[in-house]
């Protein structure tokens, strides 16, 4: 991603972060860093970090921030060879955002840009209900949806505010068709001073 270094996608549950991250990977050749995927892969591989994380997961505890940073550090270290990175699902709190800043500084990655996929709560609820029906998921109940949105507002929005304070964040409308949201995202990256990097990525 050239001068971008990396992109952090913010958005509430059901905002389409994973979908937009994959489109960016396909277009720009960057790597997709999704902590949940990394946790599952490291656990399945039986790596020391995976085993440490599993010890927390198996007792229903949250994986500590320091361990999460260690888990994603290896993926981020490979970012310069892949045109940068797009990170979704992390950071989820202000403390994680600050820890990520330190990691990126240590790896020589940056500056980083944050983009929020802004979707009103009623539309989020519709999307999550539709996803539950389409995928047969039983974890997207009205109660769990309400709880997840509340956690996002209380814990993750302050992390986004951290990047807004640094002048490194944008908000785009995430309610339109997938391709329309993608074009808005690309425009936000270009407006953030990475037009040349985006052009190079699109030519791959």
N, C-alpha and C. Protein backbone atom coordinates (compact mmCIF):
# COMPACT_ATOMS: atom_id res chain seq x y z
N UNK A 1 0.81 -1.20 0.00
CA UNK A 1 0.00 0.00 0.00
C UNK A 1 0.85 1.26 0.00
N UNK A 2 2.12 1.15 -0.26
CA UNK A 2 2.94 2.34 -0.37
C UNK A 2 2.93 3.14 0.91
N UNK A 3 2.62 4.45 0.77
CA UNK A 3 2.68 5.34 1.92
C UNK A 3 1.64 5.01 2.98
N UNK A 4 0.63 4.23 2.63
CA UNK A 4 -0.39 3.91 3.62
C UNK A 4 0.18 3.07 4.75
N UNK A 5 1.02 2.11 4.41
CA UNK A 5 1.55 1.21 5.42
C UNK A 5 0.54 0.16 5.79
N UNK A 6 -0.63 0.60 6.20
CA UNK A 6 -1.67 -0.35 6.58
C UNK A 6 -2.99 0.34 6.78
N UNK A 7 -4.03 -0.45 6.75
CA UNK A 7 -5.39 0.05 6.94
C UNK A 7 -6.06 -0.74 8.04
N UNK A 8 -6.72 -0.03 8.94
CA UNK A 8 -7.54 -0.66 9.97
C UNK A 8 -9.00 -0.40 9.61
N UNK A 9 -9.76 -1.47 9.42
CA UNK A 9 -11.19 -1.33 9.14
C UNK A 9 -11.97 -1.40 10.45
N UNK A 10 -12.71 -0.34 10.72
CA UNK A 10 -13.59 -0.31 11.87
C UNK A 10 -15.04 -0.43 11.40
N UNK A 11 -15.86 -0.95 12.26
CA UNK A 11 -17.28 -1.04 11.97
C UNK A 11 -17.95 -1.96 12.95
N UNK A 12 -19.21 -1.73 13.23
CA UNK A 12 -19.94 -2.60 14.15
C UNK A 12 -20.17 -3.98 13.54
N UNK A 13 -20.61 -4.94 14.34
CA UNK A 13 -20.93 -6.27 13.81
C UNK A 13 -21.95 -6.15 12.69
N UNK A 14 -21.66 -6.81 11.55
CA UNK A 14 -22.58 -6.76 10.43
C UNK A 14 -22.34 -5.63 9.46
N UNK A 15 -21.27 -4.87 9.66
CA UNK A 15 -21.00 -3.71 8.79
C UNK A 15 -20.31 -4.10 7.49
N UNK A 16 -19.81 -5.34 7.40
CA UNK A 16 -19.18 -5.79 6.16
C UNK A 16 -17.67 -5.66 6.12
N UNK A 17 -17.03 -5.60 7.28
CA UNK A 17 -15.58 -5.43 7.32
C UNK A 17 -14.85 -6.57 6.60
N UNK A 18 -15.25 -7.80 6.88
CA UNK A 18 -14.56 -8.94 6.27
C UNK A 18 -14.68 -8.94 4.76
N UNK A 19 -15.86 -8.61 4.26
CA UNK A 19 -16.09 -8.56 2.81
C UNK A 19 -15.21 -7.49 2.17
N UNK A 20 -15.19 -6.30 2.76
CA UNK A 20 -14.39 -5.22 2.18
C UNK A 20 -12.89 -5.50 2.31
N UNK A 21 -12.49 -6.14 3.39
CA UNK A 21 -11.07 -6.50 3.54
C UNK A 21 -10.64 -7.44 2.43
N UNK A 22 -11.47 -8.43 2.11
CA UNK A 22 -11.12 -9.38 1.06
C UNK A 22 -11.04 -8.70 -0.30
N UNK A 23 -11.93 -7.75 -0.57
CA UNK A 23 -11.88 -7.02 -1.84
C UNK A 23 -10.59 -6.21 -1.95
N UNK A 24 -10.15 -5.62 -0.84
CA UNK A 24 -8.90 -4.87 -0.84
C UNK A 24 -7.71 -5.78 -1.08
N UNK A 25 -7.74 -6.96 -0.48
CA UNK A 25 -6.66 -7.93 -0.69
C UNK A 25 -6.57 -8.30 -2.17
N UNK A 26 -7.72 -8.54 -2.78
CA UNK A 26 -7.74 -8.93 -4.19
C UNK A 26 -7.27 -7.79 -5.09
N UNK A 27 -7.61 -6.57 -4.73
CA UNK A 27 -7.28 -5.43 -5.59
C UNK A 27 -5.87 -4.92 -5.39
N UNK A 28 -5.43 -4.89 -4.13
CA UNK A 28 -4.15 -4.26 -3.82
C UNK A 28 -3.01 -5.25 -3.58
N UNK A 29 -3.34 -6.51 -3.40
CA UNK A 29 -2.29 -7.49 -3.14
C UNK A 29 -1.74 -7.44 -1.73
N UNK A 30 -2.44 -6.74 -0.83
CA UNK A 30 -1.99 -6.65 0.55
C UNK A 30 -2.41 -7.91 1.31
N UNK A 31 -2.02 -8.00 2.56
CA UNK A 31 -2.40 -9.17 3.35
C UNK A 31 -3.55 -8.79 4.28
N UNK A 32 -4.40 -9.77 4.55
CA UNK A 32 -5.55 -9.59 5.43
C UNK A 32 -5.17 -10.15 6.80
N UNK A 33 -5.17 -9.31 7.80
CA UNK A 33 -4.83 -9.72 9.16
C UNK A 33 -6.10 -9.71 9.99
N UNK A 34 -6.63 -10.89 10.24
CA UNK A 34 -7.85 -11.05 11.03
C UNK A 34 -7.51 -11.88 12.26
N UNK A 35 -7.43 -11.26 13.42
CA UNK A 35 -7.00 -11.98 14.62
C UNK A 35 -7.76 -13.26 14.90
N UNK A 36 -9.07 -13.28 14.64
CA UNK A 36 -9.83 -14.50 14.88
C UNK A 36 -9.33 -15.65 14.03
N UNK A 37 -9.03 -15.38 12.76
CA UNK A 37 -8.50 -16.40 11.86
C UNK A 37 -7.13 -16.86 12.32
N UNK A 38 -6.30 -15.90 12.77
CA UNK A 38 -4.96 -16.24 13.23
C UNK A 38 -5.03 -17.13 14.47
N UNK A 39 -5.93 -16.78 15.38
CA UNK A 39 -6.09 -17.60 16.59
C UNK A 39 -6.44 -19.04 16.24
N UNK A 40 -7.40 -19.20 15.33
CA UNK A 40 -7.80 -20.55 14.95
C UNK A 40 -6.67 -21.31 14.26
N UNK A 41 -5.93 -20.62 13.40
CA UNK A 41 -4.84 -21.27 12.67
C UNK A 41 -3.71 -21.68 13.61
N UNK A 42 -3.33 -20.78 14.51
CA UNK A 42 -2.24 -21.08 15.44
C UNK A 42 -2.63 -22.20 16.40
N UNK A 43 -3.89 -22.19 16.80
CA UNK A 43 -4.36 -23.24 17.70
C UNK A 43 -4.34 -24.58 16.98
N UNK A 44 -4.83 -24.60 15.75
CA UNK A 44 -4.86 -25.85 14.98
C UNK A 44 -3.45 -26.37 14.70
N UNK A 45 -2.51 -25.44 14.52
CA UNK A 45 -1.12 -25.84 14.24
C UNK A 45 -0.39 -26.29 15.49
N UNK A 46 -0.97 -26.00 16.65
CA UNK A 46 -0.33 -26.39 17.90
C UNK A 46 0.91 -25.60 18.22
N UNK A 47 1.02 -24.38 17.70
CA UNK A 47 2.18 -23.55 17.96
C UNK A 47 2.19 -23.12 19.43
N UNK A 48 3.35 -22.71 19.95
CA UNK A 48 3.39 -22.25 21.34
C UNK A 48 2.42 -21.11 21.61
N UNK A 49 2.34 -20.14 20.68
CA UNK A 49 1.40 -19.04 20.87
C UNK A 49 -0.04 -19.55 20.81
N UNK A 50 -0.29 -20.48 19.90
CA UNK A 50 -1.63 -21.04 19.78
C UNK A 50 -2.03 -21.80 21.04
N UNK A 51 -1.08 -22.52 21.62
CA UNK A 51 -1.37 -23.26 22.84
C UNK A 51 -1.63 -22.31 24.01
N UNK A 52 -0.87 -21.21 24.05
CA UNK A 52 -1.08 -20.22 25.11
C UNK A 52 -2.46 -19.60 24.99
N UNK A 53 -2.86 -19.26 23.74
CA UNK A 53 -4.17 -18.67 23.52
C UNK A 53 -5.28 -19.66 23.86
N UNK A 54 -5.07 -20.94 23.50
CA UNK A 54 -6.08 -21.96 23.75
C UNK A 54 -6.36 -22.11 25.24
N UNK A 55 -5.33 -21.92 26.06
CA UNK A 55 -5.51 -22.05 27.50
C UNK A 55 -6.53 -21.04 28.02
N UNK A 56 -6.56 -19.86 27.41
CA UNK A 56 -7.55 -18.84 27.80
C UNK A 56 -8.91 -19.15 27.20
N UNK A 57 -8.91 -19.51 25.91
CA UNK A 57 -10.16 -19.76 25.22
C UNK A 57 -10.92 -20.93 25.84
N UNK A 58 -10.19 -21.96 26.24
CA UNK A 58 -10.83 -23.16 26.77
C UNK A 58 -11.54 -22.92 28.09
N UNK A 59 -11.14 -21.89 28.79
CA UNK A 59 -11.85 -21.59 30.05
C UNK A 59 -12.76 -20.37 29.90
N UNK A 60 -12.98 -19.96 28.64
CA UNK A 60 -13.92 -18.89 28.37
C UNK A 60 -13.40 -17.50 28.68
N UNK A 61 -12.09 -17.37 28.79
CA UNK A 61 -11.50 -16.07 29.10
C UNK A 61 -11.04 -15.37 27.83
N UNK A 62 -10.95 -14.04 27.89
CA UNK A 62 -10.42 -13.28 26.77
C UNK A 62 -8.92 -13.48 26.66
N UNK A 63 -8.43 -13.55 25.43
CA UNK A 63 -6.99 -13.64 25.22
C UNK A 63 -6.38 -12.29 25.57
N UNK A 64 -5.36 -12.24 26.43
CA UNK A 64 -4.76 -10.96 26.84
C UNK A 64 -4.24 -10.17 25.64
N UNK A 65 -4.25 -8.85 25.79
CA UNK A 65 -3.81 -7.99 24.69
C UNK A 65 -2.39 -8.30 24.25
N UNK A 66 -1.50 -8.54 25.22
CA UNK A 66 -0.11 -8.81 24.87
C UNK A 66 0.04 -10.04 24.01
N UNK A 67 -0.73 -11.07 24.31
CA UNK A 67 -0.67 -12.30 23.52
C UNK A 67 -1.27 -12.07 22.14
N UNK A 68 -2.35 -11.29 22.06
CA UNK A 68 -2.92 -10.98 20.75
C UNK A 68 -1.92 -10.22 19.88
N UNK A 69 -1.20 -9.30 20.47
CA UNK A 69 -0.19 -8.55 19.72
C UNK A 69 0.88 -9.49 19.21
N UNK A 70 1.31 -10.44 20.05
CA UNK A 70 2.32 -11.42 19.61
C UNK A 70 1.79 -12.27 18.46
N UNK A 71 0.50 -12.59 18.50
CA UNK A 71 -0.09 -13.44 17.47
C UNK A 71 -0.12 -12.74 16.11
N UNK A 72 -0.39 -11.44 16.11
CA UNK A 72 -0.48 -10.76 14.82
C UNK A 72 0.85 -10.19 14.35
N UNK A 73 1.84 -10.14 15.25
CA UNK A 73 3.12 -9.53 14.88
C UNK A 73 3.77 -10.22 13.69
N UNK A 74 3.72 -11.55 13.67
CA UNK A 74 4.34 -12.28 12.57
C UNK A 74 3.69 -11.97 11.23
N UNK A 75 2.36 -11.85 11.21
CA UNK A 75 1.66 -11.54 9.97
C UNK A 75 2.00 -10.12 9.52
N UNK A 76 2.03 -9.19 10.46
CA UNK A 76 2.31 -7.81 10.10
C UNK A 76 3.75 -7.64 9.60
N UNK A 77 4.66 -8.44 10.13
CA UNK A 77 6.06 -8.34 9.71
C UNK A 77 6.22 -8.65 8.23
N UNK A 78 5.29 -9.44 7.68
CA UNK A 78 5.36 -9.80 6.26
C UNK A 78 4.71 -8.77 5.37
N UNK A 79 4.08 -7.74 5.96
CA UNK A 79 3.31 -6.78 5.17
C UNK A 79 4.11 -6.05 4.11
N UNK A 80 5.37 -5.61 4.38
CA UNK A 80 6.10 -4.88 3.34
C UNK A 80 6.29 -5.67 2.06
N UNK A 81 6.32 -6.99 2.15
CA UNK A 81 6.50 -7.83 0.96
C UNK A 81 5.20 -8.06 0.21
N UNK A 82 4.10 -7.59 0.77
CA UNK A 82 2.79 -7.85 0.17
C UNK A 82 1.98 -6.56 -0.01
N UNK A 83 2.67 -5.43 -0.16
CA UNK A 83 1.96 -4.19 -0.42
C UNK A 83 1.19 -3.63 0.76
N UNK A 84 1.56 -4.03 1.97
CA UNK A 84 0.87 -3.51 3.14
C UNK A 84 -0.13 -4.49 3.72
N UNK A 85 -1.00 -4.01 4.60
CA UNK A 85 -1.94 -4.91 5.26
C UNK A 85 -3.26 -4.21 5.50
N UNK A 86 -4.30 -5.02 5.62
CA UNK A 86 -5.60 -4.53 6.07
C UNK A 86 -5.98 -5.36 7.29
N UNK A 87 -6.27 -4.68 8.38
CA UNK A 87 -6.51 -5.31 9.67
C UNK A 87 -7.97 -5.13 10.03
N UNK A 88 -8.67 -6.24 10.30
CA UNK A 88 -10.05 -6.10 10.76
C UNK A 88 -10.28 -7.01 11.96
N UNK A 89 -11.03 -6.48 12.92
CA UNK A 89 -11.24 -7.21 14.17
C UNK A 89 -10.25 -6.86 15.26
N UNK A 90 -9.38 -5.92 14.99
CA UNK A 90 -8.37 -5.47 15.96
C UNK A 90 -7.84 -4.13 15.47
N UNK A 91 -7.71 -3.12 16.35
CA UNK A 91 -7.97 -3.15 17.79
C UNK A 91 -9.45 -3.00 18.12
N UNK A 92 -9.83 -3.58 19.24
CA UNK A 92 -11.21 -3.48 19.71
C UNK A 92 -11.36 -2.53 20.89
N UNK A 93 -10.23 -2.10 21.46
CA UNK A 93 -10.26 -1.18 22.60
C UNK A 93 -9.16 -0.13 22.41
N UNK A 94 -9.24 0.94 23.18
CA UNK A 94 -8.21 1.97 23.13
C UNK A 94 -6.85 1.41 23.54
N UNK A 95 -6.83 0.55 24.57
CA UNK A 95 -5.57 -0.04 25.00
C UNK A 95 -4.94 -0.87 23.89
N UNK A 96 -5.76 -1.59 23.14
CA UNK A 96 -5.24 -2.37 22.02
C UNK A 96 -4.72 -1.46 20.91
N UNK A 97 -5.40 -0.34 20.68
CA UNK A 97 -4.93 0.60 19.66
C UNK A 97 -3.55 1.15 20.02
N UNK A 98 -3.37 1.47 21.28
CA UNK A 98 -2.07 1.99 21.73
C UNK A 98 -0.99 0.92 21.65
N UNK A 99 -1.35 -0.33 21.97
CA UNK A 99 -0.39 -1.43 21.86
C UNK A 99 -0.04 -1.68 20.39
N UNK A 100 -1.03 -1.56 19.51
CA UNK A 100 -0.78 -1.73 18.08
C UNK A 100 0.14 -0.63 17.57
N UNK A 101 -0.06 0.59 18.02
CA UNK A 101 0.84 1.69 17.63
C UNK A 101 2.28 1.33 17.95
N UNK A 102 2.51 0.80 19.14
CA UNK A 102 3.87 0.45 19.55
C UNK A 102 4.44 -0.67 18.68
N UNK A 103 3.60 -1.65 18.35
CA UNK A 103 4.05 -2.75 17.51
C UNK A 103 4.41 -2.25 16.12
N UNK A 104 3.55 -1.43 15.53
CA UNK A 104 3.82 -0.92 14.19
C UNK A 104 5.08 -0.08 14.16
N UNK A 105 5.31 0.69 15.22
CA UNK A 105 6.53 1.48 15.31
C UNK A 105 7.75 0.56 15.36
N UNK A 106 7.64 -0.50 16.15
CA UNK A 106 8.75 -1.43 16.29
C UNK A 106 9.06 -2.14 14.97
N UNK A 107 8.01 -2.42 14.19
CA UNK A 107 8.20 -3.11 12.91
C UNK A 107 8.52 -2.15 11.76
N UNK A 108 8.47 -0.86 12.05
CA UNK A 108 8.75 0.11 11.00
C UNK A 108 7.62 0.23 9.99
N UNK A 109 6.40 -0.05 10.43
CA UNK A 109 5.23 0.02 9.55
C UNK A 109 4.43 1.27 9.86
N UNK A 110 3.99 1.94 8.83
CA UNK A 110 3.18 3.12 9.05
C UNK A 110 3.50 4.18 8.02
N UNK A 111 2.73 5.26 8.01
CA UNK A 111 1.60 5.49 8.92
C UNK A 111 0.43 4.58 8.59
N UNK A 112 -0.43 4.41 9.59
CA UNK A 112 -1.60 3.57 9.42
C UNK A 112 -2.83 4.46 9.26
N UNK A 113 -3.81 3.99 8.51
CA UNK A 113 -5.05 4.75 8.34
C UNK A 113 -6.22 3.89 8.81
N UNK A 114 -7.21 4.53 9.42
CA UNK A 114 -8.40 3.85 9.89
C UNK A 114 -9.61 4.33 9.09
N UNK A 115 -10.48 3.42 8.73
CA UNK A 115 -11.72 3.76 8.03
C UNK A 115 -12.87 3.05 8.72
N UNK A 116 -13.91 3.81 9.04
CA UNK A 116 -15.11 3.26 9.66
C UNK A 116 -16.16 3.00 8.59
N UNK A 117 -16.70 1.78 8.58
CA UNK A 117 -17.86 1.48 7.75
C UNK A 117 -19.09 1.79 8.61
N UNK A 118 -19.71 2.90 8.33
CA UNK A 118 -20.79 3.42 9.17
C UNK A 118 -22.14 2.86 8.71
N UNK A 119 -22.78 2.11 9.58
CA UNK A 119 -24.08 1.50 9.27
C UNK A 119 -25.01 1.73 10.46
N UNK A 120 -26.19 2.29 10.23
CA UNK A 120 -27.13 2.52 11.35
C UNK A 120 -27.55 1.21 12.01
N UNK A 121 -27.85 1.30 13.30
CA UNK A 121 -28.17 0.09 14.07
C UNK A 121 -29.33 -0.72 13.50
N UNK A 122 -30.44 -0.10 13.06
CA UNK A 122 -31.52 -0.92 12.51
C UNK A 122 -31.08 -1.76 11.31
N UNK A 123 -30.22 -1.19 10.46
CA UNK A 123 -29.73 -1.94 9.30
C UNK A 123 -28.80 -3.07 9.74
N UNK A 124 -28.00 -2.81 10.77
CA UNK A 124 -27.13 -3.86 11.30
C UNK A 124 -27.95 -5.05 11.77
N UNK A 125 -29.01 -4.76 12.50
CA UNK A 125 -29.86 -5.83 13.02
C UNK A 125 -30.47 -6.64 11.88
N UNK A 126 -30.91 -5.95 10.83
CA UNK A 126 -31.46 -6.65 9.67
C UNK A 126 -30.41 -7.57 9.04
N UNK A 127 -29.20 -7.03 8.87
CA UNK A 127 -28.14 -7.82 8.24
C UNK A 127 -27.79 -9.05 9.07
N UNK A 128 -27.68 -8.87 10.37
CA UNK A 128 -27.29 -9.98 11.23
C UNK A 128 -28.39 -11.04 11.30
N UNK A 129 -29.65 -10.61 11.28
CA UNK A 129 -30.74 -11.59 11.24
C UNK A 129 -30.73 -12.36 9.92
N UNK A 130 -30.47 -11.64 8.83
CA UNK A 130 -30.40 -12.29 7.52
C UNK A 130 -29.24 -13.28 7.48
N UNK A 131 -28.11 -12.89 8.07
CA UNK A 131 -26.95 -13.79 8.10
C UNK A 131 -27.25 -15.02 8.92
N UNK A 132 -27.93 -14.85 10.04
CA UNK A 132 -28.26 -15.99 10.90
C UNK A 132 -29.13 -16.99 10.16
N UNK A 133 -30.10 -16.48 9.40
CA UNK A 133 -30.99 -17.36 8.64
C UNK A 133 -30.25 -18.04 7.50
N UNK A 134 -29.42 -17.28 6.78
CA UNK A 134 -28.73 -17.82 5.61
C UNK A 134 -27.68 -18.85 5.99
N UNK A 135 -27.00 -18.63 7.12
CA UNK A 135 -25.89 -19.49 7.51
C UNK A 135 -26.27 -20.48 8.62
N UNK A 136 -27.50 -20.43 9.06
CA UNK A 136 -27.92 -21.34 10.11
C UNK A 136 -27.23 -21.08 11.43
N UNK A 137 -26.85 -19.82 11.67
CA UNK A 137 -26.13 -19.48 12.90
C UNK A 137 -27.13 -19.26 14.02
N UNK A 138 -26.80 -19.82 15.19
CA UNK A 138 -27.67 -19.62 16.33
C UNK A 138 -27.08 -18.65 17.36
N UNK A 139 -25.94 -18.01 16.99
CA UNK A 139 -25.31 -17.07 17.91
C UNK A 139 -25.70 -15.62 17.62
N UNK A 140 -26.51 -15.39 16.58
CA UNK A 140 -26.96 -14.05 16.25
C UNK A 140 -28.41 -13.86 16.68
N UNK A 141 -28.67 -14.06 17.95
CA UNK A 141 -30.00 -13.83 18.50
C UNK A 141 -30.17 -12.34 18.77
N UNK A 142 -31.42 -11.87 18.91
CA UNK A 142 -31.61 -10.44 19.22
C UNK A 142 -30.84 -10.00 20.47
N UNK A 143 -30.77 -10.88 21.46
CA UNK A 143 -30.06 -10.53 22.70
C UNK A 143 -28.56 -10.40 22.47
N UNK A 144 -27.98 -11.36 21.74
CA UNK A 144 -26.53 -11.30 21.52
C UNK A 144 -26.17 -10.14 20.58
N UNK A 145 -27.04 -9.86 19.61
CA UNK A 145 -26.81 -8.72 18.72
C UNK A 145 -26.77 -7.42 19.53
N UNK A 146 -27.74 -7.26 20.42
CA UNK A 146 -27.78 -6.07 21.27
C UNK A 146 -26.52 -5.96 22.11
N UNK A 147 -26.08 -7.08 22.68
CA UNK A 147 -24.89 -7.07 23.53
C UNK A 147 -23.65 -6.72 22.72
N UNK A 148 -23.52 -7.28 21.53
CA UNK A 148 -22.33 -7.03 20.71
C UNK A 148 -22.27 -5.58 20.25
N UNK A 149 -23.40 -5.02 19.90
CA UNK A 149 -23.42 -3.61 19.49
C UNK A 149 -23.06 -2.71 20.67
N UNK A 150 -23.58 -3.05 21.87
CA UNK A 150 -23.28 -2.26 23.06
C UNK A 150 -21.79 -2.28 23.38
N UNK A 151 -21.16 -3.46 23.25
CA UNK A 151 -19.72 -3.57 23.49
C UNK A 151 -18.95 -2.74 22.47
N UNK A 152 -19.39 -2.79 21.23
CA UNK A 152 -18.73 -2.01 20.18
C UNK A 152 -18.78 -0.52 20.50
N UNK A 153 -19.95 -0.03 20.89
CA UNK A 153 -20.09 1.40 21.20
C UNK A 153 -19.23 1.78 22.40
N UNK A 154 -19.24 0.95 23.43
CA UNK A 154 -18.54 1.29 24.67
C UNK A 154 -17.03 1.13 24.56
N UNK A 155 -16.55 0.12 23.82
CA UNK A 155 -15.13 -0.20 23.83
C UNK A 155 -14.39 0.11 22.53
N UNK A 156 -15.04 -0.12 21.38
CA UNK A 156 -14.32 0.02 20.13
C UNK A 156 -14.36 1.44 19.57
N UNK A 157 -15.45 2.14 19.74
CA UNK A 157 -15.50 3.52 19.24
C UNK A 157 -14.41 4.41 19.86
N UNK A 158 -14.04 4.23 21.14
CA UNK A 158 -12.91 5.00 21.66
C UNK A 158 -11.59 4.69 20.94
N UNK A 159 -11.43 3.46 20.45
CA UNK A 159 -10.24 3.13 19.67
C UNK A 159 -10.24 3.88 18.35
N UNK A 160 -11.41 3.97 17.71
CA UNK A 160 -11.52 4.75 16.48
C UNK A 160 -11.21 6.21 16.75
N UNK A 161 -11.72 6.74 17.87
CA UNK A 161 -11.48 8.14 18.22
C UNK A 161 -9.99 8.43 18.36
N UNK A 162 -9.22 7.44 18.78
CA UNK A 162 -7.77 7.57 18.89
C UNK A 162 -7.17 7.95 17.53
N UNK A 163 -7.61 7.28 16.47
CA UNK A 163 -7.09 7.57 15.14
C UNK A 163 -7.66 8.86 14.58
N UNK A 164 -8.90 9.18 14.96
CA UNK A 164 -9.47 10.46 14.54
C UNK A 164 -8.69 11.62 15.14
N UNK A 165 -8.27 11.48 16.39
CA UNK A 165 -7.47 12.51 17.04
C UNK A 165 -6.15 12.72 16.30
N UNK A 166 -5.62 11.65 15.74
CA UNK A 166 -4.36 11.72 15.00
C UNK A 166 -4.57 12.22 13.57
N UNK A 167 -5.81 12.45 13.18
CA UNK A 167 -6.10 12.88 11.81
C UNK A 167 -5.90 11.77 10.81
N UNK A 168 -6.05 10.52 11.27
CA UNK A 168 -5.77 9.36 10.40
C UNK A 168 -6.98 8.47 10.24
N UNK A 169 -8.18 9.06 10.29
CA UNK A 169 -9.39 8.25 10.20
C UNK A 169 -10.41 8.89 9.27
N UNK A 170 -11.20 8.04 8.62
CA UNK A 170 -12.28 8.48 7.74
C UNK A 170 -13.52 7.67 8.06
N UNK A 171 -14.68 8.21 7.73
CA UNK A 171 -15.95 7.50 7.89
C UNK A 171 -16.63 7.45 6.52
N UNK A 172 -17.11 6.26 6.15
CA UNK A 172 -17.83 6.14 4.90
C UNK A 172 -19.16 5.44 5.15
N UNK A 173 -20.10 5.67 4.25
CA UNK A 173 -21.42 5.05 4.34
C UNK A 173 -21.29 3.57 3.97
N UNK A 174 -21.61 2.71 4.91
CA UNK A 174 -21.49 1.28 4.67
C UNK A 174 -22.81 0.60 4.36
N UNK A 175 -23.84 1.38 4.02
CA UNK A 175 -25.16 0.79 3.83
C UNK A 175 -25.46 0.39 2.40
N UNK A 176 -24.68 0.84 1.44
CA UNK A 176 -24.98 0.58 0.03
C UNK A 176 -24.56 -0.81 -0.42
N UNK A 177 -24.69 -1.08 -1.73
CA UNK A 177 -24.23 -2.35 -2.29
C UNK A 177 -22.72 -2.52 -2.05
N UNK A 178 -22.27 -3.75 -2.05
CA UNK A 178 -20.87 -4.06 -1.73
C UNK A 178 -19.91 -3.26 -2.61
N UNK A 179 -20.16 -3.22 -3.93
CA UNK A 179 -19.24 -2.53 -4.83
C UNK A 179 -19.25 -1.03 -4.59
N UNK A 180 -20.41 -0.47 -4.25
CA UNK A 180 -20.49 0.96 -3.97
C UNK A 180 -19.69 1.31 -2.72
N UNK A 181 -19.80 0.46 -1.70
CA UNK A 181 -19.02 0.68 -0.48
C UNK A 181 -17.53 0.56 -0.78
N UNK A 182 -17.18 -0.41 -1.63
CA UNK A 182 -15.76 -0.59 -1.98
C UNK A 182 -15.22 0.66 -2.69
N UNK A 183 -15.99 1.21 -3.61
CA UNK A 183 -15.53 2.41 -4.32
C UNK A 183 -15.38 3.58 -3.35
N UNK A 184 -16.30 3.70 -2.39
CA UNK A 184 -16.19 4.76 -1.39
C UNK A 184 -14.94 4.55 -0.53
N UNK A 185 -14.63 3.31 -0.23
CA UNK A 185 -13.44 3.00 0.55
C UNK A 185 -12.17 3.36 -0.21
N UNK A 186 -12.13 3.01 -1.50
CA UNK A 186 -10.97 3.36 -2.32
C UNK A 186 -10.81 4.88 -2.40
N UNK A 187 -11.93 5.59 -2.50
CA UNK A 187 -11.88 7.05 -2.56
C UNK A 187 -11.35 7.62 -1.25
N UNK A 188 -11.74 7.01 -0.14
CA UNK A 188 -11.26 7.47 1.16
C UNK A 188 -9.76 7.27 1.28
N UNK A 189 -9.25 6.15 0.75
CA UNK A 189 -7.81 5.91 0.78
C UNK A 189 -7.08 6.94 -0.08
N UNK A 190 -7.64 7.23 -1.26
CA UNK A 190 -7.02 8.21 -2.14
C UNK A 190 -7.02 9.59 -1.49
N UNK A 191 -8.13 9.94 -0.83
CA UNK A 191 -8.23 11.24 -0.17
C UNK A 191 -7.25 11.33 1.00
N UNK A 192 -6.87 10.19 1.53
CA UNK A 192 -5.91 10.16 2.63
C UNK A 192 -4.48 10.27 2.16
N UNK A 193 -4.27 10.48 0.87
CA UNK A 193 -2.92 10.69 0.36
C UNK A 193 -2.25 9.45 -0.17
N UNK A 194 -3.04 8.43 -0.54
CA UNK A 194 -2.43 7.19 -1.02
C UNK A 194 -2.93 6.84 -2.43
N UNK A 195 -3.27 7.86 -3.21
CA UNK A 195 -3.80 7.62 -4.55
C UNK A 195 -2.80 6.86 -5.41
N UNK A 196 -1.53 7.25 -5.35
CA UNK A 196 -0.52 6.58 -6.17
C UNK A 196 -0.36 5.13 -5.78
N UNK A 197 -0.41 4.87 -4.45
CA UNK A 197 -0.29 3.48 -3.98
C UNK A 197 -1.48 2.67 -4.44
N UNK A 198 -2.67 3.26 -4.40
CA UNK A 198 -3.86 2.55 -4.83
C UNK A 198 -3.77 2.23 -6.31
N UNK A 199 -3.28 3.18 -7.11
CA UNK A 199 -3.13 2.96 -8.54
C UNK A 199 -2.17 1.81 -8.81
N UNK A 200 -1.06 1.76 -8.09
CA UNK A 200 -0.10 0.68 -8.30
C UNK A 200 -0.72 -0.65 -7.95
N UNK A 201 -1.48 -0.68 -6.84
CA UNK A 201 -2.10 -1.93 -6.43
C UNK A 201 -3.10 -2.41 -7.45
N UNK A 202 -3.85 -1.49 -8.05
CA UNK A 202 -4.88 -1.88 -8.99
C UNK A 202 -4.31 -2.45 -10.27
N UNK A 203 -3.02 -2.19 -10.54
CA UNK A 203 -2.42 -2.68 -11.77
C UNK A 203 -1.87 -4.09 -11.62
N UNK A 204 -1.87 -4.63 -10.41
CA UNK A 204 -1.29 -5.96 -10.20
C UNK A 204 -2.12 -7.04 -10.85
